[in-house]
């Protein structure tokens, strides 16, 4: 699956996945949502982000954790 807004650059946040043209990491958005923030409140706070970028970020995180869970289960057996 191709992601339009997810970007990697080893010179930005050590290569963590970020929203393209920003320094906002997938990790930061997931922490925002986990602490009770909403997608709408995130766009209000970071109004320069393109619409759809946060939703894509959530999808990226979901895809990544699917793989991570499989690896974790394999290691723990």
PDB file of N, CA and C in Angstrom:
ATOM      1  N   UNK A   1       0.845  -1.182   0.000  1.00  0.00           N
ATOM      2  CA  UNK A   1       0.000   0.000   0.000  1.00  0.00           C
ATOM      3  C   UNK A   1       0.891   1.247   0.000  1.00  0.00           C
ATOM      4  N   UNK A   2       0.626   2.170  -0.887  1.00  0.00           N
ATOM      5  CA  UNK A   2       1.376   3.418  -0.962  1.00  0.00           C
ATOM      6  C   UNK A   2       0.715   4.473  -0.074  1.00  0.00           C
ATOM      7  N   UNK A   3       1.530   5.232   0.602  1.00  0.00           N
ATOM      8  CA  UNK A   3       1.043   6.291   1.478  1.00  0.00           C
ATOM      9  C   UNK A   3       1.471   7.639   0.916  1.00  0.00           C
ATOM     10  N   UNK A   4       0.519   8.497   0.698  1.00  0.00           N
ATOM     11  CA  UNK A   4       0.765   9.806   0.103  1.00  0.00           C
ATOM     12  C   UNK A   4       1.434  10.771   1.083  1.00  0.00           C
ATOM     13  N   UNK A   5       1.087  10.690   2.362  1.00  0.00           N
ATOM     14  CA  UNK A   5       1.547  11.682   3.330  1.00  0.00           C
ATOM     15  C   UNK A   5       2.649  11.190   4.265  1.00  0.00           C
ATOM     16  N   UNK A   6       2.947   9.900   4.280  1.00  0.00           N
ATOM     17  CA  UNK A   6       3.962   9.365   5.184  1.00  0.00           C
ATOM     18  C   UNK A   6       5.327   9.478   4.509  1.00  0.00           C
ATOM     19  N   UNK A   7       6.303   9.971   5.269  1.00  0.00           N
ATOM     20  CA  UNK A   7       7.625  10.259   4.717  1.00  0.00           C
ATOM     21  C   UNK A   7       8.687   9.825   5.718  1.00  0.00           C
ATOM     22  N   UNK A   8       9.817   9.379   5.222  1.00  0.00           N
ATOM     23  CA  UNK A   8      10.960   8.997   6.049  1.00  0.00           C
ATOM     24  C   UNK A   8      12.184   9.755   5.569  1.00  0.00           C
ATOM     25  N   UNK A   9      12.945  10.272   6.520  1.00  0.00           N
ATOM     26  CA  UNK A   9      14.223  10.904   6.201  1.00  0.00           C
ATOM     27  C   UNK A   9      15.097  10.752   7.432  1.00  0.00           C
ATOM     28  N   UNK A  10      16.227  10.097   7.282  1.00  0.00           N
ATOM     29  CA  UNK A  10      17.090   9.837   8.437  1.00  0.00           C
ATOM     30  C   UNK A  10      17.569  11.118   9.122  1.00  0.00           C
ATOM     31  N   UNK A  11      17.489  12.259   8.436  1.00  0.00           N
ATOM     32  CA  UNK A  11      17.916  13.527   9.027  1.00  0.00           C
ATOM     33  C   UNK A  11      16.796  14.210   9.823  1.00  0.00           C
ATOM     34  N   UNK A  12      15.586  13.677   9.740  1.00  0.00           N
ATOM     35  CA  UNK A  12      14.449  14.256  10.460  1.00  0.00           C
ATOM     36  C   UNK A  12      13.967  13.233  11.481  1.00  0.00           C
ATOM     37  N   UNK A  13      14.076  13.583  12.748  1.00  0.00           N
ATOM     38  CA  UNK A  13      13.642  12.722  13.851  1.00  0.00           C
ATOM     39  C   UNK A  13      14.241  11.316  13.763  1.00  0.00           C
ATOM     40  N   UNK A  14      15.473  11.247  13.304  1.00  0.00           N
ATOM     41  CA  UNK A  14      16.175   9.969  13.252  1.00  0.00           C
ATOM     42  C   UNK A  14      15.574   8.952  12.299  1.00  0.00           C
ATOM     43  N   UNK A  15      14.796   9.414  11.331  1.00  0.00           N
ATOM     44  CA  UNK A  15      14.214   8.518  10.337  1.00  0.00           C
ATOM     45  C   UNK A  15      12.849   7.962  10.717  1.00  0.00           C
ATOM     46  N   UNK A  16      12.271   8.460  11.824  1.00  0.00           N
ATOM     47  CA  UNK A  16      10.924   8.020  12.191  1.00  0.00           C
ATOM     48  C   UNK A  16       9.948   8.422  11.089  1.00  0.00           C
ATOM     49  N   UNK A  17       8.876   7.652  10.910  1.00  0.00           N
ATOM     50  CA  UNK A  17       7.872   8.063   9.925  1.00  0.00           C
ATOM     51  C   UNK A  17       7.176   9.338  10.393  1.00  0.00           C
ATOM     52  N   UNK A  18       7.064  10.287   9.474  1.00  0.00           N
ATOM     53  CA  UNK A  18       6.450  11.581   9.764  1.00  0.00           C
ATOM     54  C   UNK A  18       5.433  11.919   8.687  1.00  0.00           C
ATOM     55  N   UNK A  19       4.634  12.941   8.946  1.00  0.00           N
ATOM     56  CA  UNK A  19       3.781  13.489   7.899  1.00  0.00           C
ATOM     57  C   UNK A  19       4.676  14.355   7.017  1.00  0.00           C
ATOM     58  N   UNK A  20       4.626  14.107   5.739  1.00  0.00           N
ATOM     59  CA  UNK A  20       5.454  14.803   4.761  1.00  0.00           C
ATOM     60  C   UNK A  20       5.375  16.313   4.944  1.00  0.00           C
ATOM     61  N   UNK A  21       6.519  16.971   4.803  1.00  0.00           N
ATOM     62  CA  UNK A  21       6.648  18.429   4.929  1.00  0.00           C
ATOM     63  C   UNK A  21       6.357  18.927   6.341  1.00  0.00           C
ATOM     64  N   UNK A  22       6.582  18.068   7.326  1.00  0.00           N
ATOM     65  CA  UNK A  22       6.415  18.483   8.723  1.00  0.00           C
ATOM     66  C   UNK A  22       7.451  17.735   9.556  1.00  0.00           C
ATOM     67  N   UNK A  23       7.438  18.001  10.847  1.00  0.00           N
ATOM     68  CA  UNK A  23       8.245  17.233  11.793  1.00  0.00           C
ATOM     69  C   UNK A  23       7.311  16.509  12.767  1.00  0.00           C
ATOM     70  N   UNK A  24       6.111  16.207  12.302  1.00  0.00           N
ATOM     71  CA  UNK A  24       5.115  15.536  13.138  1.00  0.00           C
ATOM     72  C   UNK A  24       5.164  14.043  12.838  1.00  0.00           C
ATOM     73  N   UNK A  25       5.524  13.275  13.866  1.00  0.00           N
ATOM     74  CA  UNK A  25       5.707  11.841  13.680  1.00  0.00           C
ATOM     75  C   UNK A  25       4.404  11.069  13.856  1.00  0.00           C
ATOM     76  N   UNK A  26       4.386   9.894  13.270  1.00  0.00           N
ATOM     77  CA  UNK A  26       3.281   8.963  13.465  1.00  0.00           C
ATOM     78  C   UNK A  26       3.130   8.695  14.961  1.00  0.00           C
ATOM     79  N   UNK A  27       4.250   8.510  15.632  1.00  0.00           N
ATOM     80  CA  UNK A  27       4.246   8.254  17.074  1.00  0.00           C
ATOM     81  C   UNK A  27       3.543   9.375  17.840  1.00  0.00           C
ATOM     82  N   UNK A  28       3.852  10.628  17.512  1.00  0.00           N
ATOM     83  CA  UNK A  28       3.244  11.767  18.198  1.00  0.00           C
ATOM     84  C   UNK A  28       1.729  11.786  18.012  1.00  0.00           C
ATOM     85  N   UNK A  29       1.264  11.511  16.810  1.00  0.00           N
ATOM     86  CA  UNK A  29      -0.182  11.504  16.553  1.00  0.00           C
ATOM     87  C   UNK A  29      -0.854  10.371  17.317  1.00  0.00           C
ATOM     88  N   UNK A  30      -0.217   9.207  17.349  1.00  0.00           N
ATOM     89  CA  UNK A  30      -0.798   8.087  18.098  1.00  0.00           C
ATOM     90  C   UNK A  30      -0.865   8.420  19.592  1.00  0.00           C
ATOM     91  N   UNK A  31       0.151   9.091  20.123  1.00  0.00           N
ATOM     92  CA  UNK A  31       0.133   9.500  21.530  1.00  0.00           C
ATOM     93  C   UNK A  31      -0.973  10.522  21.781  1.00  0.00           C
ATOM     94  N   UNK A  32      -1.163  11.438  20.853  1.00  0.00           N
ATOM     95  CA  UNK A  32      -2.229  12.442  20.948  1.00  0.00           C
ATOM     96  C   UNK A  32      -3.591  11.753  21.065  1.00  0.00           C
ATOM     97  N   UNK A  33      -3.829  10.817  20.168  1.00  0.00           N
ATOM     98  CA  UNK A  33      -5.108  10.113  20.158  1.00  0.00           C
ATOM     99  C   UNK A  33      -5.274   9.236  21.404  1.00  0.00           C
ATOM    100  N   UNK A  34      -4.208   8.582  21.820  1.00  0.00           N
ATOM    101  CA  UNK A  34      -4.272   7.717  23.006  1.00  0.00           C
ATOM    102  C   UNK A  34      -4.547   8.504  24.279  1.00  0.00           C
ATOM    103  N   UNK A  35      -4.143   9.770  24.296  1.00  0.00           N
ATOM    104  CA  UNK A  35      -4.350  10.587  25.496  1.00  0.00           C
ATOM    105  C   UNK A  35      -5.707  11.292  25.494  1.00  0.00           C
ATOM    106  N   UNK A  36      -6.552  10.968  24.515  1.00  0.00           N
ATOM    107  CA  UNK A  36      -7.895  11.523  24.479  1.00  0.00           C
ATOM    108  C   UNK A  36      -8.127  12.593  23.440  1.00  0.00           C
ATOM    109  N   UNK A  37      -7.075  12.955  22.713  1.00  0.00           N
ATOM    110  CA  UNK A  37      -7.241  13.930  21.635  1.00  0.00           C
ATOM    111  C   UNK A  37      -8.027  13.321  20.481  1.00  0.00           C
ATOM    112  N   UNK A  38      -8.577  14.178  19.670  1.00  0.00           N
ATOM    113  CA  UNK A  38      -9.340  13.721  18.515  1.00  0.00           C
ATOM    114  C   UNK A  38      -8.634  14.149  17.232  1.00  0.00           C
ATOM    115  N   UNK A  39      -9.040  13.525  16.147  1.00  0.00           N
ATOM    116  CA  UNK A  39      -8.505  13.921  14.844  1.00  0.00           C
ATOM    117  C   UNK A  39      -8.847  15.390  14.585  1.00  0.00           C
ATOM    118  N   UNK A  40     -10.078  15.771  14.901  1.00  0.00           N
ATOM    119  CA  UNK A  40     -10.518  17.159  14.685  1.00  0.00           C
ATOM    120  C   UNK A  40      -9.678  18.138  15.495  1.00  0.00           C
ATOM    121  N   UNK A  41      -9.399  17.803  16.763  1.00  0.00           N
ATOM    122  CA  UNK A  41      -8.602  18.708  17.590  1.00  0.00           C
ATOM    123  C   UNK A  41      -7.158  18.774  17.098  1.00  0.00           C
ATOM    124  N   UNK A  42      -6.670  17.690  16.524  1.00  0.00           N
ATOM    125  CA  UNK A  42      -5.314  17.698  15.976  1.00  0.00           C
ATOM    126  C   UNK A  42      -5.234  18.647  14.795  1.00  0.00           C
ATOM    127  N   UNK A  43      -6.223  18.569  13.896  1.00  0.00           N
ATOM    128  CA  UNK A  43      -6.239  19.484  12.752  1.00  0.00           C
ATOM    129  C   UNK A  43      -6.403  20.935  13.197  1.00  0.00           C
ATOM    130  N   UNK A  44      -7.118  21.168  14.278  1.00  0.00           N
ATOM    131  CA  UNK A  44      -7.243  22.542  14.791  1.00  0.00           C
ATOM    132  C   UNK A  44      -5.900  23.060  15.277  1.00  0.00           C
ATOM    133  N   UNK A  45      -5.173  22.217  15.996  1.00  0.00           N
ATOM    134  CA  UNK A  45      -3.869  22.607  16.546  1.00  0.00           C
ATOM    135  C   UNK A  45      -2.809  22.745  15.452  1.00  0.00           C
ATOM    136  N   UNK A  46      -2.862  21.873  14.479  1.00  0.00           N
ATOM    137  CA  UNK A  46      -1.872  21.848  13.390  1.00  0.00           C
ATOM    138  C   UNK A  46      -2.602  22.070  12.063  1.00  0.00           C
ATOM    139  N   UNK A  47      -3.150  23.255  11.918  1.00  0.00           N
ATOM    140  CA  UNK A  47      -4.031  23.564  10.789  1.00  0.00           C
ATOM    141  C   UNK A  47      -3.323  23.621   9.438  1.00  0.00           C
ATOM    142  N   UNK A  48      -2.015  23.569   9.432  1.00  0.00           N
ATOM    143  CA  UNK A  48      -1.268  23.580   8.172  1.00  0.00           C
ATOM    144  C   UNK A  48      -1.160  22.180   7.544  1.00  0.00           C
ATOM    145  N   UNK A  49      -1.545  21.153   8.295  1.00  0.00           N
ATOM    146  CA  UNK A  49      -1.465  19.795   7.746  1.00  0.00           C
ATOM    147  C   UNK A  49      -2.567  19.563   6.719  1.00  0.00           C
ATOM    148  N   UNK A  50      -2.244  18.845   5.650  1.00  0.00           N
ATOM    149  CA  UNK A  50      -3.277  18.567   4.644  1.00  0.00           C
ATOM    150  C   UNK A  50      -4.353  17.634   5.201  1.00  0.00           C
ATOM    151  N   UNK A  51      -5.583  17.900   4.838  1.00  0.00           N
ATOM    152  CA  UNK A  51      -6.682  17.033   5.242  1.00  0.00           C
ATOM    153  C   UNK A  51      -6.436  15.629   4.699  1.00  0.00           C
ATOM    154  N   UNK A  52      -6.685  14.662   5.526  1.00  0.00           N
ATOM    155  CA  UNK A  52      -6.449  13.272   5.163  1.00  0.00           C
ATOM    156  C   UNK A  52      -5.123  12.734   5.669  1.00  0.00           C
ATOM    157  N   UNK A  53      -4.199  13.620   6.050  1.00  0.00           N
ATOM    158  CA  UNK A  53      -2.881  13.157   6.486  1.00  0.00           C
ATOM    159  C   UNK A  53      -2.941  12.431   7.826  1.00  0.00           C
ATOM    160  N   UNK A  54      -3.756  12.898   8.747  1.00  0.00           N
ATOM    161  CA  UNK A  54      -3.862  12.236  10.054  1.00  0.00           C
ATOM    162  C   UNK A  54      -4.551  10.883   9.907  1.00  0.00           C
ATOM    163  N   UNK A  55      -5.598  10.825   9.103  1.00  0.00           N
ATOM    164  CA  UNK A  55      -6.281   9.562   8.871  1.00  0.00           C
ATOM    165  C   UNK A  55      -5.337   8.547   8.221  1.00  0.00           C
ATOM    166  N   UNK A  56      -4.510   9.014   7.294  1.00  0.00           N
ATOM    167  CA  UNK A  56      -3.529   8.125   6.669  1.00  0.00           C
ATOM    168  C   UNK A  56      -2.496   7.673   7.691  1.00  0.00           C
ATOM    169  N   UNK A  57      -2.134   8.552   8.587  1.00  0.00           N
ATOM    170  CA  UNK A  57      -1.206   8.229   9.652  1.00  0.00           C
ATOM    171  C   UNK A  57      -1.761   7.085  10.515  1.00  0.00           C
ATOM    172  N   UNK A  58      -3.025   7.152  10.838  1.00  0.00           N
ATOM    173  CA  UNK A  58      -3.678   6.105  11.630  1.00  0.00           C
ATOM    174  C   UNK A  58      -3.656   4.779  10.863  1.00  0.00           C
ATOM    175  N   UNK A  59      -3.948   4.826   9.589  1.00  0.00           N
ATOM    176  CA  UNK A  59      -3.916   3.628   8.755  1.00  0.00           C
ATOM    177  C   UNK A  59      -2.504   3.051   8.694  1.00  0.00           C
ATOM    178  N   UNK A  60      -1.508   3.926   8.548  1.00  0.00           N
ATOM    179  CA  UNK A  60      -0.112   3.472   8.532  1.00  0.00           C
ATOM    180  C   UNK A  60       0.226   2.761   9.848  1.00  0.00           C
ATOM    181  N   UNK A  61      -0.140   3.367  10.964  1.00  0.00           N
ATOM    182  CA  UNK A  61       0.141   2.770  12.271  1.00  0.00           C
ATOM    183  C   UNK A  61      -0.552   1.422  12.409  1.00  0.00           C
ATOM    184  N   UNK A  62      -1.774   1.318  11.917  1.00  0.00           N
ATOM    185  CA  UNK A  62      -2.502   0.050  11.984  1.00  0.00           C
ATOM    186  C   UNK A  62      -1.792  -1.021  11.151  1.00  0.00           C
ATOM    187  N   UNK A  63      -1.340  -0.666   9.969  1.00  0.00           N
ATOM    188  CA  UNK A  63      -0.633  -1.622   9.112  1.00  0.00           C
ATOM    189  C   UNK A  63       0.676  -2.056   9.762  1.00  0.00           C
ATOM    190  N   UNK A  64       1.396  -1.104  10.346  1.00  0.00           N
ATOM    191  CA  UNK A  64       2.675  -1.408  10.982  1.00  0.00           C
ATOM    192  C   UNK A  64       2.481  -2.328  12.180  1.00  0.00           C
ATOM    193  N   UNK A  65       1.491  -2.066  12.996  1.00  0.00           N
ATOM    194  CA  UNK A  65       1.299  -2.883  14.191  1.00  0.00           C
ATOM    195  C   UNK A  65       0.808  -4.277  13.845  1.00  0.00           C
ATOM    196  N   UNK A  66       0.127  -4.427  12.733  1.00  0.00           N
ATOM    197  CA  UNK A  66      -0.253  -5.784  12.305  1.00  0.00           C
ATOM    198  C   UNK A  66       0.994  -6.646  12.160  1.00  0.00           C
ATOM    199  N   UNK A  67       2.002  -6.110  11.505  1.00  0.00           N
ATOM    200  CA  UNK A  67       3.253  -6.844  11.323  1.00  0.00           C
ATOM    201  C   UNK A  67       3.984  -7.026  12.642  1.00  0.00           C
ATOM    202  N   UNK A  68       3.990  -6.013  13.469  1.00  0.00           N
ATOM    203  CA  UNK A  68       4.702  -6.085  14.736  1.00  0.00           C
ATOM    204  C   UNK A  68       4.086  -7.142  15.650  1.00  0.00           C
ATOM    205  N   UNK A  69       2.771  -7.234  15.662  1.00  0.00           N
ATOM    206  CA  UNK A  69       2.106  -8.225  16.497  1.00  0.00           C
ATOM    207  C   UNK A  69       2.500  -9.630  16.047  1.00  0.00           C
ATOM    208  N   UNK A  70       2.555  -9.857  14.756  1.00  0.00           N
ATOM    209  CA  UNK A  70       2.943 -11.172  14.256  1.00  0.00           C
ATOM    210  C   UNK A  70       4.368 -11.515  14.669  1.00  0.00           C
ATOM    211  N   UNK A  71       5.252 -10.561  14.590  1.00  0.00           N
ATOM    212  CA  UNK A  71       6.645 -10.787  14.992  1.00  0.00           C
ATOM    213  C   UNK A  71       6.706 -11.066  16.486  1.00  0.00           C
ATOM    214  N   UNK A  72       5.999 -10.288  17.270  1.00  0.00           N
ATOM    215  CA  UNK A  72       6.000 -10.454  18.725  1.00  0.00           C
ATOM    216  C   UNK A  72       5.476 -11.831  19.104  1.00  0.00           C
ATOM    217  N   UNK A  73       4.399 -12.277  18.480  1.00  0.00           N
ATOM    218  CA  UNK A  73       3.835 -13.592  18.783  1.00  0.00           C
ATOM    219  C   UNK A  73       4.827 -14.694  18.417  1.00  0.00           C
ATOM    220  N   UNK A  74       5.510 -14.529  17.301  1.00  0.00           N
ATOM    221  CA  UNK A  74       6.480 -15.532  16.861  1.00  0.00           C
ATOM    222  C   UNK A  74       7.636 -15.625  17.852  1.00  0.00           C
ATOM    223  N   UNK A  75       8.131 -14.498  18.324  1.00  0.00           N
ATOM    224  CA  UNK A  75       9.258 -14.476  19.246  1.00  0.00           C
ATOM    225  C   UNK A  75       8.873 -15.074  20.592  1.00  0.00           C
ATOM    226  N   UNK A  76       7.647 -14.799  21.050  1.00  0.00           N
ATOM    227  CA  UNK A  76       7.263 -15.234  22.387  1.00  0.00           C
ATOM    228  C   UNK A  76       6.989 -16.734  22.491  1.00  0.00           C
ATOM    229  N   UNK A  77       6.873 -17.428  21.382  1.00  0.00           N
ATOM    230  CA  UNK A  77       6.575 -18.874  21.438  1.00  0.00           C
ATOM    231  C   UNK A  77       7.798 -19.692  21.717  1.00  0.00           C
TER     232      UNK A  77
END
